[in-house]
Amino acid sequence: MTTDLLRTKQVTLQTGIPEGTLRWWRHCNEGPPSFKLGKKTVVYPADKLALWIASNEAVSTKGAL
């Protein structure tokens, strides 16, 4: 199984969440799932990011559908 791995800047472009916020969330063990690839490279699995976005949508949607 292969999933796309997104860098922090790519997640920012996709979600509009600033890079600094993503870094802070990572420090606080919050936000979308991520891990280090090697010693420095932080990556976000695209499939898990999509699930994280969907779960946030589900708990915060307002109004009639």
PDB file of N, CA and C in Angstrom:
ATOM      1  N   MET A   1       0.842  -1.175   0.000  1.00  0.00           N
ATOM      2  CA  MET A   1       0.000   0.000   0.000  1.00  0.00           C
ATOM      3  C   MET A   1       0.892   1.246   0.000  1.00  0.00           C
ATOM      4  N   THR A   2       0.638   2.143  -0.935  1.00  0.00           N
ATOM      5  CA  THR A   2       1.395   3.380  -1.038  1.00  0.00           C
ATOM      6  C   THR A   2       0.452   4.555  -0.899  1.00  0.00           C
ATOM      7  N   THR A   3       0.830   5.493  -0.084  1.00  0.00           N
ATOM      8  CA  THR A   3       0.041   6.713   0.064  1.00  0.00           C
ATOM      9  C   THR A   3       0.943   7.898  -0.225  1.00  0.00           C
ATOM     10  N   ASP A   4       0.363   8.962  -0.732  1.00  0.00           N
ATOM     11  CA  ASP A   4       1.133  10.178  -0.969  1.00  0.00           C
ATOM     12  C   ASP A   4       1.507  10.799   0.365  1.00  0.00           C
ATOM     13  N   LEU A   5       2.722  11.298   0.428  1.00  0.00           N
ATOM     14  CA  LEU A   5       3.203  11.986   1.624  1.00  0.00           C
ATOM     15  C   LEU A   5       3.351  13.461   1.287  1.00  0.00           C
ATOM     16  N   LEU A   6       2.719  14.300   2.079  1.00  0.00           N
ATOM     17  CA  LEU A   6       2.733  15.733   1.846  1.00  0.00           C
ATOM     18  C   LEU A   6       3.669  16.415   2.827  1.00  0.00           C
ATOM     19  N   ARG A   7       4.407  17.401   2.355  1.00  0.00           N
ATOM     20  CA  ARG A   7       5.244  18.221   3.224  1.00  0.00           C
ATOM     21  C   ARG A   7       4.371  19.309   3.849  1.00  0.00           C
ATOM     22  N   THR A   8       4.892  19.977   4.854  1.00  0.00           N
ATOM     23  CA  THR A   8       4.134  20.992   5.580  1.00  0.00           C
ATOM     24  C   THR A   8       3.607  22.081   4.645  1.00  0.00           C
ATOM     25  N   LYS A   9       4.437  22.559   3.727  1.00  0.00           N
ATOM     26  CA  LYS A   9       4.019  23.611   2.804  1.00  0.00           C
ATOM     27  C   LYS A   9       2.848  23.144   1.936  1.00  0.00           C
ATOM     28  N   GLN A  10       2.854  21.879   1.521  1.00  0.00           N
ATOM     29  CA  GLN A  10       1.760  21.340   0.717  1.00  0.00           C
ATOM     30  C   GLN A  10       0.459  21.287   1.519  1.00  0.00           C
ATOM     31  N   VAL A  11       0.560  20.917   2.791  1.00  0.00           N
ATOM     32  CA  VAL A  11      -0.627  20.886   3.652  1.00  0.00           C
ATOM     33  C   VAL A  11      -1.169  22.309   3.823  1.00  0.00           C
ATOM     34  N   THR A  12      -0.273  23.270   3.977  1.00  0.00           N
ATOM     35  CA  THR A  12      -0.683  24.671   4.081  1.00  0.00           C
ATOM     36  C   THR A  12      -1.428  25.109   2.828  1.00  0.00           C
ATOM     37  N   LEU A  13      -0.898  24.774   1.669  1.00  0.00           N
ATOM     38  CA  LEU A  13      -1.554  25.159   0.412  1.00  0.00           C
ATOM     39  C   LEU A  13      -2.911  24.482   0.257  1.00  0.00           C
ATOM     40  N   GLN A  14      -3.014  23.247   0.715  1.00  0.00           N
ATOM     41  CA  GLN A  14      -4.267  22.499   0.579  1.00  0.00           C
ATOM     42  C   GLN A  14      -5.332  22.952   1.571  1.00  0.00           C
ATOM     43  N   THR A  15      -4.929  23.302   2.785  1.00  0.00           N
ATOM     44  CA  THR A  15      -5.897  23.587   3.846  1.00  0.00           C
ATOM     45  C   THR A  15      -6.025  25.068   4.204  1.00  0.00           C
ATOM     46  N   GLY A  16      -5.010  25.856   3.906  1.00  0.00           N
ATOM     47  CA  GLY A  16      -4.996  27.253   4.329  1.00  0.00           C
ATOM     48  C   GLY A  16      -4.512  27.444   5.755  1.00  0.00           C
ATOM     49  N   ILE A  17      -4.116  26.362   6.417  1.00  0.00           N
ATOM     50  CA  ILE A  17      -3.593  26.447   7.787  1.00  0.00           C
ATOM     51  C   ILE A  17      -2.121  26.856   7.692  1.00  0.00           C
ATOM     52  N   PRO A  18      -1.726  27.940   8.358  1.00  0.00           N
ATOM     53  CA  PRO A  18      -0.332  28.393   8.270  1.00  0.00           C
ATOM     54  C   PRO A  18       0.673  27.331   8.737  1.00  0.00           C
ATOM     55  N   GLU A  19       1.853  27.364   8.129  1.00  0.00           N
ATOM     56  CA  GLU A  19       2.909  26.410   8.494  1.00  0.00           C
ATOM     57  C   GLU A  19       3.237  26.482   9.974  1.00  0.00           C
ATOM     58  N   GLY A  20       3.288  27.686  10.526  1.00  0.00           N
ATOM     59  CA  GLY A  20       3.593  27.847  11.944  1.00  0.00           C
ATOM     60  C   GLY A  20       2.564  27.174  12.836  1.00  0.00           C
ATOM     61  N   THR A  21       1.304  27.254  12.444  1.00  0.00           N
ATOM     62  CA  THR A  21       0.236  26.592  13.206  1.00  0.00           C
ATOM     63  C   THR A  21       0.408  25.084  13.136  1.00  0.00           C
ATOM     64  N   LEU A  22       0.704  24.567  11.958  1.00  0.00           N
ATOM     65  CA  LEU A  22       0.931  23.110  11.832  1.00  0.00           C
ATOM     66  C   LEU A  22       2.104  22.666  12.694  1.00  0.00           C
ATOM     67  N   ARG A  23       3.185  23.461  12.708  1.00  0.00           N
ATOM     68  CA  ARG A  23       4.342  23.118  13.542  1.00  0.00           C
ATOM     69  C   ARG A  23       3.959  23.149  15.027  1.00  0.00           C
ATOM     70  N   TRP A  24       3.196  24.161  15.434  1.00  0.00           N
ATOM     71  CA  TRP A  24       2.784  24.266  16.834  1.00  0.00           C
ATOM     72  C   TRP A  24       1.895  23.085  17.217  1.00  0.00           C
ATOM     73  N   TRP A  25       0.923  22.772  16.358  1.00  0.00           N
ATOM     74  CA  TRP A  25       0.052  21.630  16.628  1.00  0.00           C
ATOM     75  C   TRP A  25       0.866  20.349  16.762  1.00  0.00           C
ATOM     76  N   ARG A  26       1.860  20.191  15.889  1.00  0.00           N
ATOM     77  CA  ARG A  26       2.696  18.988  15.961  1.00  0.00           C
ATOM     78  C   ARG A  26       3.409  18.940  17.310  1.00  0.00           C
ATOM     79  N   HIS A  27       3.932  20.081  17.740  1.00  0.00           N
ATOM     80  CA  HIS A  27       4.602  20.174  19.039  1.00  0.00           C
ATOM     81  C   HIS A  27       3.653  19.795  20.180  1.00  0.00           C
ATOM     82  N   CYS A  28       2.379  20.187  20.066  1.00  0.00           N
ATOM     83  CA  CYS A  28       1.367  19.920  21.096  1.00  0.00           C
ATOM     84  C   CYS A  28       0.654  18.588  20.887  1.00  0.00           C
ATOM     85  N   ASN A  29       1.090  17.818  19.901  1.00  0.00           N
ATOM     86  CA  ASN A  29       0.468  16.534  19.564  1.00  0.00           C
ATOM     87  C   ASN A  29      -1.002  16.709  19.178  1.00  0.00           C
ATOM     88  N   GLU A  30      -1.265  17.734  18.389  1.00  0.00           N
ATOM     89  CA  GLU A  30      -2.603  18.031  17.890  1.00  0.00           C
ATOM     90  C   GLU A  30      -2.543  18.116  16.364  1.00  0.00           C
ATOM     91  N   GLY A  31      -3.674  18.427  15.763  1.00  0.00           N
ATOM     92  CA  GLY A  31      -3.713  18.635  14.324  1.00  0.00           C
ATOM     93  C   GLY A  31      -3.685  17.338  13.534  1.00  0.00           C
ATOM     94  N   PRO A  32      -3.437  17.447  12.234  1.00  0.00           N
ATOM     95  CA  PRO A  32      -3.454  16.256  11.377  1.00  0.00           C
ATOM     96  C   PRO A  32      -2.278  15.329  11.684  1.00  0.00           C
ATOM     97  N   PRO A  33      -2.472  14.020  11.486  1.00  0.00           N
ATOM     98  CA  PRO A  33      -1.404  13.058  11.743  1.00  0.00           C
ATOM     99  C   PRO A  33      -0.179  13.327  10.868  1.00  0.00           C
ATOM    100  N   SER A  34       0.993  13.242  11.474  1.00  0.00           N
ATOM    101  CA  SER A  34       2.245  13.447  10.756  1.00  0.00           C
ATOM    102  C   SER A  34       3.325  12.606  11.412  1.00  0.00           C
ATOM    103  N   PHE A  35       4.443  12.484  10.715  1.00  0.00           N
ATOM    104  CA  PHE A  35       5.588  11.789  11.287  1.00  0.00           C
ATOM    105  C   PHE A  35       6.854  12.279  10.608  1.00  0.00           C
ATOM    106  N   LYS A  36       7.995  11.952  11.208  1.00  0.00           N
ATOM    107  CA  LYS A  36       9.271  12.332  10.622  1.00  0.00           C
ATOM    108  C   LYS A  36       9.770  11.204   9.734  1.00  0.00           C
ATOM    109  N   LEU A  37      10.197  11.587   8.562  1.00  0.00           N
ATOM    110  CA  LEU A  37      10.817  10.668   7.620  1.00  0.00           C
ATOM    111  C   LEU A  37      12.304  10.994   7.678  1.00  0.00           C
ATOM    112  N   GLY A  38      13.074  10.127   8.304  1.00  0.00           N
ATOM    113  CA  GLY A  38      14.472  10.459   8.575  1.00  0.00           C
ATOM    114  C   GLY A  38      14.544  11.317   9.823  1.00  0.00           C
ATOM    115  N   LYS A  39      15.573  12.161   9.901  1.00  0.00           N
ATOM    116  CA  LYS A  39      15.763  12.955  11.106  1.00  0.00           C
ATOM    117  C   LYS A  39      15.012  14.267  11.109  1.00  0.00           C
ATOM    118  N   LYS A  40      14.741  14.855   9.925  1.00  0.00           N
ATOM    119  CA  LYS A  40      14.176  16.200   9.897  1.00  0.00           C
ATOM    120  C   LYS A  40      12.902  16.351   9.075  1.00  0.00           C
ATOM    121  N   THR A  41      12.679  15.520   8.108  1.00  0.00           N
ATOM    122  CA  THR A  41      11.590  15.729   7.166  1.00  0.00           C
ATOM    123  C   THR A  41      10.248  15.308   7.754  1.00  0.00           C
ATOM    124  N   VAL A  42       9.378  16.293   7.991  1.00  0.00           N
ATOM    125  CA  VAL A  42       8.037  16.026   8.506  1.00  0.00           C
ATOM    126  C   VAL A  42       7.107  15.818   7.325  1.00  0.00           C
ATOM    127  N   VAL A  43       6.342  14.735   7.370  1.00  0.00           N
ATOM    128  CA  VAL A  43       5.399  14.429   6.301  1.00  0.00           C
ATOM    129  C   VAL A  43       4.027  14.111   6.889  1.00  0.00           C
ATOM    130  N   TYR A  44       3.023  14.358   6.056  1.00  0.00           N
ATOM    131  CA  TYR A  44       1.629  14.110   6.411  1.00  0.00           C
ATOM    132  C   TYR A  44       1.065  13.133   5.382  1.00  0.00           C
ATOM    133  N   PRO A  45       0.675  11.923   5.782  1.00  0.00           N
ATOM    134  CA  PRO A  45       0.048  11.010   4.827  1.00  0.00           C
ATOM    135  C   PRO A  45      -1.246  11.623   4.281  1.00  0.00           C
ATOM    136  N   ALA A  46      -1.361  11.703   2.974  1.00  0.00           N
ATOM    137  CA  ALA A  46      -2.511  12.364   2.343  1.00  0.00           C
ATOM    138  C   ALA A  46      -3.828  11.715   2.735  1.00  0.00           C
ATOM    139  N   ASP A  47      -3.860  10.391   2.847  1.00  0.00           N
ATOM    140  CA  ASP A  47      -5.114   9.720   3.206  1.00  0.00           C
ATOM    141  C   ASP A  47      -5.538  10.057   4.638  1.00  0.00           C
ATOM    142  N   LYS A  48      -4.572  10.145   5.550  1.00  0.00           N
ATOM    143  CA  LYS A  48      -4.901  10.498   6.939  1.00  0.00           C
ATOM    144  C   LYS A  48      -5.272  11.971   7.071  1.00  0.00           C
ATOM    145  N   LEU A  49      -4.655  12.822   6.255  1.00  0.00           N
ATOM    146  CA  LEU A  49      -5.033  14.236   6.244  1.00  0.00           C
ATOM    147  C   LEU A  49      -6.483  14.375   5.788  1.00  0.00           C
ATOM    148  N   ALA A  50      -6.866  13.635   4.760  1.00  0.00           N
ATOM    149  CA  ALA A  50      -8.252  13.682   4.264  1.00  0.00           C
ATOM    150  C   ALA A  50      -9.232  13.228   5.342  1.00  0.00           C
ATOM    151  N   LEU A  51      -8.882  12.184   6.093  1.00  0.00           N
ATOM    152  CA  LEU A  51      -9.743  11.720   7.185  1.00  0.00           C
ATOM    153  C   LEU A  51      -9.836  12.767   8.291  1.00  0.00           C
ATOM    154  N   TRP A  52      -8.723  13.421   8.599  1.00  0.00           N
ATOM    155  CA  TRP A  52      -8.707  14.459   9.630  1.00  0.00           C
ATOM    156  C   TRP A  52      -9.603  15.618   9.214  1.00  0.00           C
ATOM    157  N   ILE A  53      -9.522  16.020   7.948  1.00  0.00           N
ATOM    158  CA  ILE A  53     -10.368  17.096   7.439  1.00  0.00           C
ATOM    159  C   ILE A  53     -11.838  16.690   7.530  1.00  0.00           C
ATOM    160  N   ALA A  54     -12.153  15.460   7.113  1.00  0.00           N
ATOM    161  CA  ALA A  54     -13.542  14.983   7.155  1.00  0.00           C
ATOM    162  C   ALA A  54     -14.070  14.936   8.585  1.00  0.00           C
ATOM    163  N   SER A  55     -13.245  14.512   9.534  1.00  0.00           N
ATOM    164  CA  SER A  55     -13.708  14.442  10.923  1.00  0.00           C
ATOM    165  C   SER A  55     -13.961  15.833  11.487  1.00  0.00           C
ATOM    166  N   ASN A  56     -13.141  16.806  11.106  1.00  0.00           N
ATOM    167  CA  ASN A  56     -13.371  18.189  11.535  1.00  0.00           C
ATOM    168  C   ASN A  56     -14.636  18.746  10.910  1.00  0.00           C
ATOM    169  N   GLU A  57     -14.889  18.400   9.673  1.00  0.00           N
ATOM    170  CA  GLU A  57     -16.115  18.837   9.003  1.00  0.00           C
ATOM    171  C   GLU A  57     -17.332  18.257   9.711  1.00  0.00           C
ATOM    172  N   ALA A  58     -17.251  16.981  10.069  1.00  0.00           N
ATOM    173  CA  ALA A  58     -18.392  16.299  10.689  1.00  0.00           C
ATOM    174  C   ALA A  58     -18.757  16.905  12.042  1.00  0.00           C
ATOM    175  N   VAL A  59     -17.760  17.320  12.820  1.00  0.00           N
ATOM    176  CA  VAL A  59     -18.068  17.839  14.158  1.00  0.00           C
ATOM    177  C   VAL A  59     -18.330  19.346  14.189  1.00  0.00           C
ATOM    178  N   SER A  60     -18.054  20.030  13.088  1.00  0.00           N
ATOM    179  CA  SER A  60     -18.221  21.491  13.139  1.00  0.00           C
ATOM    180  C   SER A  60     -19.176  22.061  12.097  1.00  0.00           C
ATOM    181  N   THR A  61     -19.825  21.187  11.308  1.00  0.00           N
ATOM    182  CA  THR A  61     -20.758  21.669  10.295  1.00  0.00           C
ATOM    183  C   THR A  61     -21.976  22.304  10.951  1.00  0.00           C
ATOM    184  N   LYS A  62     -22.360  23.458  10.476  1.00  0.00           N
ATOM    185  CA  LYS A  62     -23.535  24.183  10.984  1.00  0.00           C
ATOM    186  C   LYS A  62     -24.521  24.373   9.855  1.00  0.00           C
ATOM    187  N   GLY A  63     -25.768  24.514  10.198  1.00  0.00           N
ATOM    188  CA  GLY A  63     -26.801  24.796   9.201  1.00  0.00           C
ATOM    189  C   GLY A  63     -27.397  23.550   8.595  1.00  0.00           C
ATOM    190  N   ALA A  64     -28.427  23.757   7.796  1.00  0.00           N
ATOM    191  CA  ALA A  64     -29.127  22.652   7.150  1.00  0.00           C
ATOM    192  C   ALA A  64     -28.329  22.142   5.953  1.00  0.00           C
ATOM    193  N   LEU A  65     -28.434  20.859   5.728  1.00  0.00           N
ATOM    194  CA  LEU A  65     -27.756  20.262   4.573  1.00  0.00           C
ATOM    195  C   LEU A  65     -28.709  20.013   3.453  1.00  0.00           C
TER     196      LEU A  65
END
